[in-house]
C-alpha atoms as a PDB file:
ATOM      1  CA  MET A   1     -23.156 -20.693   8.075  1.00  0.00           C
ATOM      2  CA  THR A   2     -23.216 -19.130   4.620  1.00  0.00           C
ATOM      3  CA  MET A   3     -22.335 -15.524   3.807  1.00  0.00           C
ATOM      4  CA  THR A   4     -24.284 -15.403   0.509  1.00  0.00           C
ATOM      5  CA  SER A   5     -27.022 -13.318   2.186  1.00  0.00           C
ATOM      6  CA  ASP A   6     -24.714 -10.294   2.125  1.00  0.00           C
ATOM      7  CA  PRO A   7     -25.811  -8.323  -0.987  1.00  0.00           C
ATOM      8  CA  SER A   8     -22.614  -6.253  -1.176  1.00  0.00           C
ATOM      9  CA  PRO A   9     -19.871  -7.640  -3.425  1.00  0.00           C
ATOM     10  CA  ARG A  10     -16.711  -8.820  -1.751  1.00  0.00           C
ATOM     11  CA  PRO A  11     -13.526  -6.861  -2.523  1.00  0.00           C
ATOM     12  CA  HIS A  12     -11.444  -8.615  -5.169  1.00  0.00           C
ATOM     13  CA  VAL A  13      -7.777  -9.003  -4.231  1.00  0.00           C
ATOM     14  CA  LEU A  14      -4.936 -10.230  -6.436  1.00  0.00           C
ATOM     15  CA  LEU A  15      -2.228 -11.982  -4.418  1.00  0.00           C
ATOM     16  CA  LEU A  16       1.205 -12.368  -6.056  1.00  0.00           C
ATOM     17  CA  ASP A  17       4.039 -14.391  -4.512  1.00  0.00           C
ATOM     18  CA  ASP A  18       6.513 -16.915  -5.922  1.00  0.00           C
ATOM     19  CA  ASP A  19       6.544 -18.817  -2.612  1.00  0.00           C
ATOM     20  CA  HIS A  20       3.641 -21.255  -2.936  1.00  0.00           C
ATOM     21  CA  ASP A  21       3.417 -21.906   0.818  1.00  0.00           C
ATOM     22  CA  VAL A  22       3.122 -18.196   1.634  1.00  0.00           C
ATOM     23  CA  LEU A  23       0.781 -17.652  -1.307  1.00  0.00           C
ATOM     24  CA  GLY A  24      -1.574 -20.398  -0.182  1.00  0.00           C
ATOM     25  CA  ALA A  25      -1.552 -19.433   3.492  1.00  0.00           C
ATOM     26  CA  ASN A  26      -2.257 -15.750   2.821  1.00  0.00           C
ATOM     27  CA  ALA A  27      -4.956 -16.585   0.274  1.00  0.00           C
ATOM     28  CA  ARG A  28      -6.777 -18.869   2.715  1.00  0.00           C
ATOM     29  CA  PHE A  29      -6.598 -16.310   5.493  1.00  0.00           C
ATOM     30  CA  LEU A  30      -7.916 -13.467   3.322  1.00  0.00           C
ATOM     31  CA  ARG A  31     -10.756 -15.650   2.038  1.00  0.00           C
ATOM     32  CA  LEU A  32     -11.727 -16.480   5.602  1.00  0.00           C
ATOM     33  CA  ASN A  33     -12.077 -12.723   6.109  1.00  0.00           C
ATOM     34  CA  ASN A  34     -14.671 -12.416   3.346  1.00  0.00           C
ATOM     35  CA  LEU A  35     -12.359 -11.331   0.530  1.00  0.00           C
ATOM     36  CA  ASP A  36     -12.472 -12.658  -3.024  1.00  0.00           C
ATOM     37  CA  VAL A  37      -8.860 -13.694  -3.709  1.00  0.00           C
ATOM     38  CA  THR A  38      -7.164 -14.586  -6.995  1.00  0.00           C
ATOM     39  CA  VAL A  39      -3.596 -15.893  -6.812  1.00  0.00           C
ATOM     40  CA  ALA A  40      -0.613 -15.716  -9.152  1.00  0.00           C
ATOM     41  CA  ASP A  41       2.853 -17.187  -8.604  1.00  0.00           C
ATOM     42  CA  ASN A  42       4.641 -14.988 -11.153  1.00  0.00           C
ATOM     43  CA  PRO A  43       4.308 -11.364 -12.313  1.00  0.00           C
ATOM     44  CA  GLU A  44       3.552 -12.242 -15.942  1.00  0.00           C
ATOM     45  CA  ARG A  45       0.526 -14.260 -14.868  1.00  0.00           C
ATOM     46  CA  ALA A  46      -0.561 -11.463 -12.528  1.00  0.00           C
ATOM     47  CA  LEU A  47      -0.417  -8.864 -15.305  1.00  0.00           C
ATOM     48  CA  GLN A  48      -2.534 -11.078 -17.541  1.00  0.00           C
ATOM     49  CA  LEU A  49      -5.110 -11.555 -14.787  1.00  0.00           C
ATOM     50  CA  ILE A  50      -5.306  -7.790 -14.304  1.00  0.00           C
ATOM     51  CA  LYS A  51      -6.045  -7.372 -18.021  1.00  0.00           C
ATOM     52  CA  ASP A  52      -8.875  -9.895 -17.795  1.00  0.00           C
ATOM     53  CA  SER A  53     -10.473  -8.997 -14.435  1.00  0.00           C
ATOM     54  CA  ALA A  54     -11.156  -6.030 -12.169  1.00  0.00           C
ATOM     55  CA  PHE A  55      -9.354  -5.888  -8.822  1.00  0.00           C
ATOM     56  CA  ASP A  56      -9.668  -3.634  -5.799  1.00  0.00           C
ATOM     57  CA  LEU A  57      -6.194  -4.332  -4.401  1.00  0.00           C
ATOM     58  CA  VAL A  58      -2.940  -6.026  -5.412  1.00  0.00           C
ATOM     59  CA  ILE A  59      -0.711  -7.624  -2.765  1.00  0.00           C
ATOM     60  CA  THR A  60       2.725  -8.494  -4.106  1.00  0.00           C
ATOM     61  CA  ASP A  61       6.022  -9.825  -2.850  1.00  0.00           C
ATOM     62  CA  LEU A  62       8.972  -7.527  -3.503  1.00  0.00           C
ATOM     63  CA  ARG A  63      11.696 -10.086  -4.223  1.00  0.00           C
ATOM     64  CA  MET A  64      10.864 -12.473  -7.068  1.00  0.00           C
ATOM     65  CA  PRO A  65      12.963 -14.092  -9.816  1.00  0.00           C
ATOM     66  CA  ASP A  66      12.844 -12.738 -13.379  1.00  0.00           C
ATOM     67  CA  MET A  67      10.729  -9.687 -12.431  1.00  0.00           C
ATOM     68  CA  SER A  68      10.819  -7.899  -9.070  1.00  0.00           C
ATOM     69  CA  GLY A  69       7.776  -6.518  -7.333  1.00  0.00           C
ATOM     70  CA  LEU A  70       8.897  -3.009  -8.280  1.00  0.00           C
ATOM     71  CA  GLN A  71       9.232  -3.971 -11.944  1.00  0.00           C
ATOM     72  CA  PHE A  72       5.816  -5.589 -11.779  1.00  0.00           C
ATOM     73  CA  ALA A  73       4.325  -2.432 -10.242  1.00  0.00           C
ATOM     74  CA  THR A  74       5.933  -0.291 -12.956  1.00  0.00           C
ATOM     75  CA  ALA A  75       4.305  -2.441 -15.645  1.00  0.00           C
ATOM     76  CA  LEU A  76       1.007  -2.391 -13.750  1.00  0.00           C
ATOM     77  CA  ARG A  77       0.997   1.403 -13.545  1.00  0.00           C
ATOM     78  CA  GLU A  78       0.963   1.664 -17.356  1.00  0.00           C
ATOM     79  CA  THR A  79      -2.654   0.510 -17.372  1.00  0.00           C
ATOM     80  CA  GLN A  80      -3.772   0.852 -13.732  1.00  0.00           C
ATOM     81  CA  PRO A  81      -2.432   4.124 -12.282  1.00  0.00           C
ATOM     82  CA  LEU A  82      -4.798   4.142  -9.282  1.00  0.00           C
ATOM     83  CA  LEU A  83      -5.036   0.474  -8.277  1.00  0.00           C
ATOM     84  CA  PRO A  84      -3.767   0.182  -4.656  1.00  0.00           C
ATOM     85  CA  ILE A  85      -0.673  -1.985  -4.176  1.00  0.00           C
ATOM     86  CA  LEU A  86       0.441  -3.522  -0.886  1.00  0.00           C
ATOM     87  CA  PHE A  87       4.074  -4.702  -0.908  1.00  0.00           C
ATOM     88  CA  LEU A  88       5.403  -7.524   1.263  1.00  0.00           C
ATOM     89  CA  SER A  89       9.116  -8.198   1.739  1.00  0.00           C
ATOM     90  CA  ALA A  90      11.545  -9.841   4.131  1.00  0.00           C
ATOM     91  CA  TYR A  91      14.559  -8.049   2.630  1.00  0.00           C
ATOM     92  CA  ALA A  92      13.454  -4.480   1.995  1.00  0.00           C
ATOM     93  CA  VAL A  93      15.789  -1.488   2.204  1.00  0.00           C
ATOM     94  CA  ILE A  94      14.796   2.165   2.389  1.00  0.00           C
ATOM     95  CA  THR A  95      15.376   2.690  -1.340  1.00  0.00           C
ATOM     96  CA  ASP A  96      12.877  -0.088  -2.042  1.00  0.00           C
ATOM     97  CA  VAL A  97      10.314   1.559   0.199  1.00  0.00           C
ATOM     98  CA  VAL A  98      10.802   4.945  -1.482  1.00  0.00           C
ATOM     99  CA  SER A  99      10.538   3.371  -4.942  1.00  0.00           C
ATOM    100  CA  ALA A 100       7.413   1.486  -3.901  1.00  0.00           C
ATOM    101  CA  MET A 101       5.776   4.647  -2.601  1.00  0.00           C
ATOM    102  CA  ARG A 102       6.587   6.494  -5.796  1.00  0.00           C
ATOM    103  CA  LEU A 103       4.871   3.707  -7.702  1.00  0.00           C
ATOM    104  CA  GLY A 104       1.738   4.241  -5.663  1.00  0.00           C
ATOM    105  CA  ALA A 105       2.147   1.747  -2.837  1.00  0.00           C
ATOM    106  CA  ALA A 106      -0.723   1.903  -0.381  1.00  0.00           C
ATOM    107  CA  ASP A 107       1.444   0.224   2.257  1.00  0.00           C
ATOM    108  CA  PHE A 108       4.618  -1.789   2.796  1.00  0.00           C
ATOM    109  CA  LEU A 109       4.817  -4.659   5.306  1.00  0.00           C
ATOM    110  CA  GLU A 110       7.785  -6.747   6.384  1.00  0.00           C
ATOM    111  CA  LYS A 111       7.622 -10.535   6.175  1.00  0.00           C
ATOM    112  CA  PRO A 112       6.654 -12.581   8.017  1.00  0.00           C
ATOM    113  CA  VAL A 113       3.435 -10.631   8.402  1.00  0.00           C
ATOM    114  CA  GLU A 114       1.162 -11.413  11.320  1.00  0.00           C
ATOM    115  CA  PRO A 115      -2.273 -12.388   9.924  1.00  0.00           C
ATOM    116  CA  ASP A 116      -4.096  -9.849  12.102  1.00  0.00           C
ATOM    117  CA  ILE A 117      -1.813  -7.067  10.877  1.00  0.00           C
ATOM    118  CA  LEU A 118      -2.279  -8.123   7.258  1.00  0.00           C
ATOM    119  CA  ILE A 119      -6.067  -8.061   7.437  1.00  0.00           C
ATOM    120  CA  GLU A 120      -6.014  -4.765   9.375  1.00  0.00           C
ATOM    121  CA  ARG A 121      -3.922  -3.111   6.671  1.00  0.00           C
ATOM    122  CA  VAL A 122      -5.962  -4.631   3.849  1.00  0.00           C
ATOM    123  CA  THR A 123      -9.208  -3.478   5.472  1.00  0.00           C
ATOM    124  CA  HIS A 124      -7.729  -0.028   5.999  1.00  0.00           C
ATOM    125  CA  ILE A 125      -6.646   0.273   2.365  1.00  0.00           C
ATOM    126  CA  LEU A 126      -9.982  -0.931   1.020  1.00  0.00           C
ATOM    127  CA  ALA A 127     -12.043   1.372   3.255  1.00  0.00           C
ATOM    128  CA  PRO A 128     -13.703   4.111   1.150  1.00  0.00           C
ATOM    129  CA  HIS A 129     -12.681   6.801   3.651  1.00  0.00           C
ATOM    130  CA  GLN A 130      -8.987   5.769   3.654  1.00  0.00           C
ATOM    131  CA  ARG A 131      -7.738   9.347   3.435  1.00  0.00           C
ATOM    132  CA  ALA A 132      -4.001   8.716   3.510  1.00  0.00           C
ATOM    133  CA  ALA A 133      -4.070   6.241   0.641  1.00  0.00           C
ATOM    134  CA  ALA A 134      -6.263   8.569  -1.390  1.00  0.00           C
ATOM    135  CA  LEU A 135      -3.819  11.430  -0.873  1.00  0.00           C
ATOM    136  CA  GLN A 136      -0.890   9.280  -1.939  1.00  0.00           C
ATOM    137  CA  ARG A 137      -2.605   7.959  -5.055  1.00  0.00           C
ATOM    138  CA  VAL A 138      -3.536  11.477  -6.174  1.00  0.00           C
ATOM    139  CA  ALA A 139      -0.036  12.792  -5.520  1.00  0.00           C
ATOM    140  CA  PHE A 140       1.643   9.964  -7.425  1.00  0.00           C
ATOM    141  CA  ASP A 141      -0.833   9.128 -10.146  1.00  0.00           C
ATOM    142  CA  ALA A 142       1.522   7.950 -12.894  1.00  0.00           C
ATOM    143  CA  ALA A 143      -0.753   9.472 -15.520  1.00  0.00           C
ATOM    144  CA  ASP A 144      -0.532  12.966 -14.006  1.00  0.00           C
ATOM    145  CA  GLN A 145       2.437  14.731 -15.536  1.00  0.00           C
ATOM    146  CA  THR A 146       1.132  18.269 -14.955  1.00  0.00           C
ATOM    147  CA  ALA A 147       2.156  18.772 -11.329  1.00  0.00           C
ATOM    148  CA  PRO A 148       5.646  20.291 -10.882  1.00  0.00           C
ATOM    149  CA  PHE A 149       8.174  17.813  -9.543  1.00  0.00           C
ATOM    150  CA  LYS A 150       8.812  19.935  -6.436  1.00  0.00           C
ATOM    151  CA  ASN A 151       5.100  19.887  -5.608  1.00  0.00           C
ATOM    152  CA  ARG A 152       4.996  16.123  -6.048  1.00  0.00           C
ATOM    153  CA  VAL A 153       7.967  15.703  -3.710  1.00  0.00           C
ATOM    154  CA  HIS A 154       6.243  17.850  -1.097  1.00  0.00           C
ATOM    155  CA  ALA A 155       3.055  15.833  -1.541  1.00  0.00           C
ATOM    156  CA  TYR A 156       5.087  12.667  -1.066  1.00  0.00           C
ATOM    157  CA  GLU A 157       6.708  13.978   2.107  1.00  0.00           C
ATOM    158  CA  ARG A 158       3.333  15.075   3.423  1.00  0.00           C
ATOM    159  CA  TYR A 159       1.856  11.658   2.695  1.00  0.00           C
ATOM    160  CA  LEU A 160       4.694   9.832   4.481  1.00  0.00           C
ATOM    161  CA  ILE A 161       4.390  11.982   7.599  1.00  0.00           C
ATOM    162  CA  GLU A 162       0.584  11.940   7.727  1.00  0.00           C
ATOM    163  CA  HIS A 163       0.507   8.207   7.041  1.00  0.00           C
ATOM    164  CA  ALA A 164       2.990   7.561   9.876  1.00  0.00           C
ATOM    165  CA  LEU A 165       1.116   9.811  12.304  1.00  0.00           C
ATOM    166  CA  VAL A 166      -2.179   8.070  11.562  1.00  0.00           C
ATOM    167  CA  ARG A 167      -0.640   4.595  11.615  1.00  0.00           C
ATOM    168  CA  PHE A 168       1.081   5.129  14.955  1.00  0.00           C
ATOM    169  CA  ASP A 169      -1.781   7.143  16.465  1.00  0.00           C
ATOM    170  CA  GLY A 170       0.408  10.249  16.865  1.00  0.00           C
ATOM    171  CA  ARG A 171       3.175   8.507  18.830  1.00  0.00           C
ATOM    172  CA  VAL A 172       6.161  10.656  17.881  1.00  0.00           C
ATOM    173  CA  SER A 173       8.848   8.156  18.892  1.00  0.00           C
ATOM    174  CA  ASP A 174       7.345   5.513  16.578  1.00  0.00           C
ATOM    175  CA  VAL A 175       6.971   8.059  13.773  1.00  0.00           C
ATOM    176  CA  LEU A 176      10.606   9.145  14.119  1.00  0.00           C
ATOM    177  CA  ASN A 177      11.750   5.534  14.020  1.00  0.00           C
ATOM    178  CA  ALA A 178       9.609   4.686  10.985  1.00  0.00           C
ATOM    179  CA  LEU A 179      10.727   7.748   9.010  1.00  0.00           C
ATOM    180  CA  GLN A 180      14.342   7.575  10.225  1.00  0.00           C
ATOM    181  CA  ILE A 181      14.498  11.298  11.017  1.00  0.00           C
ATOM    182  CA  ASN A 182      15.057  13.310  14.200  1.00  0.00           C
ATOM    183  CA  ARG A 183      12.445  15.289  16.105  1.00  0.00           C
ATOM    184  CA  ARG A 184      13.658  18.680  14.899  1.00  0.00           C
ATOM    185  CA  THR A 185      13.497  17.629  11.244  1.00  0.00           C
ATOM    186  CA  LEU A 186      10.006  16.214  11.761  1.00  0.00           C
ATOM    187  CA  ASN A 187       8.797  19.436  13.399  1.00  0.00           C
ATOM    188  CA  ASP A 188      10.345  21.555  10.622  1.00  0.00           C
ATOM    189  CA  LYS A 189       8.705  19.470   7.905  1.00  0.00           C
ATOM    190  CA  MET A 190       5.327  19.480   9.627  1.00  0.00           C
ATOM    191  CA  THR A 191       5.460  23.266   9.922  1.00  0.00           C
ATOM    192  CA  LYS A 192       6.579  23.672   6.299  1.00  0.00           C
ATOM    193  CA  LEU A 193       3.902  21.302   4.979  1.00  0.00           C
ATOM    194  CA  GLY A 194       1.120  22.537   7.269  1.00  0.00           C
ATOM    195  CA  ILE A 195       0.624  19.229   9.087  1.00  0.00           C
ATOM    196  CA  SER A 196      -1.058  19.225  12.494  1.00  0.00           C
ATOM    197  CA  ARG A 197      -1.419  16.131  14.674  1.00  0.00           C
ATOM    198  CA  HIS A 198      -4.592  17.615  16.166  1.00  0.00           C
ATOM    199  CA  SER A 199      -6.236  18.175  12.761  1.00  0.00           C
ATOM    200  CA  LEU A 200      -5.362  14.631  11.700  1.00  0.00           C
ATOM    201  CA  LYS A 201      -7.094  13.175  14.758  1.00  0.00           C
ATOM    202  CA  ALA A 202     -10.079  15.427  14.212  1.00  0.00           C
ATOM    203  CA  GLN A 203     -10.513  14.210  10.635  1.00  0.00           C
ATOM    204  CA  ASP A 204     -10.169  10.475  11.397  1.00  0.00           C
END
């Protein structure tokens, strides 16, 4: 059965990983889910591909020799401030996650990633109505130097909380665990930032 009858273009994804086995497996799986996938096994090659072609999403490993995923994302942001980036890592620490988010990460998944989870997150990021990713990209557009730093920090905090609430369908215990904060701190921040679980569900 061919899928060429679908007139809409397939999303173009750049997949970057120095592990050839992981790179090949993820590429095959994403292609089976109707995505146009280009692969690169090093950041230099990935940056060149981005100069030559248009992509809708970049999926990159965090830990790579010579240039880390964060260094790659920093270089990418010089020319592509709004291109969504999905980070994958088996050895991430909280500072990595924070740095990734500040560089405009649309999401951050721990390896090994279950295929169903990977495609769910990719589909979510690529969806035009993906409100949380849009908020984050606006708040941390590398080209926007006009917003006061304090406002950008608040926007970042708001994004993290809203993203967690949406991702875990409002389950507070999961949100607390993901954000590594206690219930009182979460409630204080939600009040300060004007976040309501009910309004989030209503807008989904």
